[in-house]
Amino acid sequence: MKLLLSDDDRKHLDQLISETEKRTMTQIVLAVVKRSDSYAEIPWKAFAMTASVAGIAAIITGTLMNYWVSKSDILIAIAATLLAGALLALVSVFVPAVARFFLSDHRAEEEVRQYADSLFLERQLFATGERMGVLLLVSLFERKVVIVPDTGLAKKLTQEEMQQIIAPMVTCLRKKMLARAFEEGLAQFSAMMRDQVSSGVYENELPNNIIEEDGV
């Protein structure tokens, strides 16, 4: 797959990860996925909505014009309605902005959360001595960020604090600034953990390599 981050961005973020880990005594993994689910229902939603609107428009137009309708007129109206639905369904497959219009926020949040939880387990990000690992996952299609803290860190990081970390990252994603989103996330995380740092000797237990995946 084509890398989503440039070499310079990756080097810069690797350095920020190391600095933030030492400052917070945590183990941080950044990940970006193009899409967390296929959302097979989106083209069908696009087709159904467009066909319904086109059908209603055809009925209203025929009523207002008040003329005798032939069989060929009915067939043309049906064909136009189906064609409009099929066209938008096709557009929703290839144009993310259109597809997102038919995707509910709750559904997107749920799928990205499931992907993040699966990735956390698959990459064994729980394999740290004090269970202080944390995954910051960005899903580009959904423009969502999910934070998965391990058990040792979950006690120190509240849901409200995680939302404060996520908010500026999402703002950057809407501007298509992926590297900047990660920078904001690391800065916010460092600030949130400022008063939560435990004493001890820092040891890098998880690789700093940023995970990039196509997703589903």
Foldseek 3Di string as FASTA:
>chain_A
DDDLDDPVLQVVLLVLQVVLCQLQVFAEAEEEAQALDLPVCLLVVQLVVQLVVLLVVLVVVCVVVPDDDDPVNVVVSNVVSNVRSNVLSVVLNPPLVSSLVSDDLVNRVVSVVVSVVVVCVVLVQCPDDQQRYKYWYAHLSSLFIDIDGGPNCPVQADPVLVVVLGVVLSVCSVVVNNSVSSVSNSVSVSVSSNVVHDDDDRDHDDDHRHHYYHHD
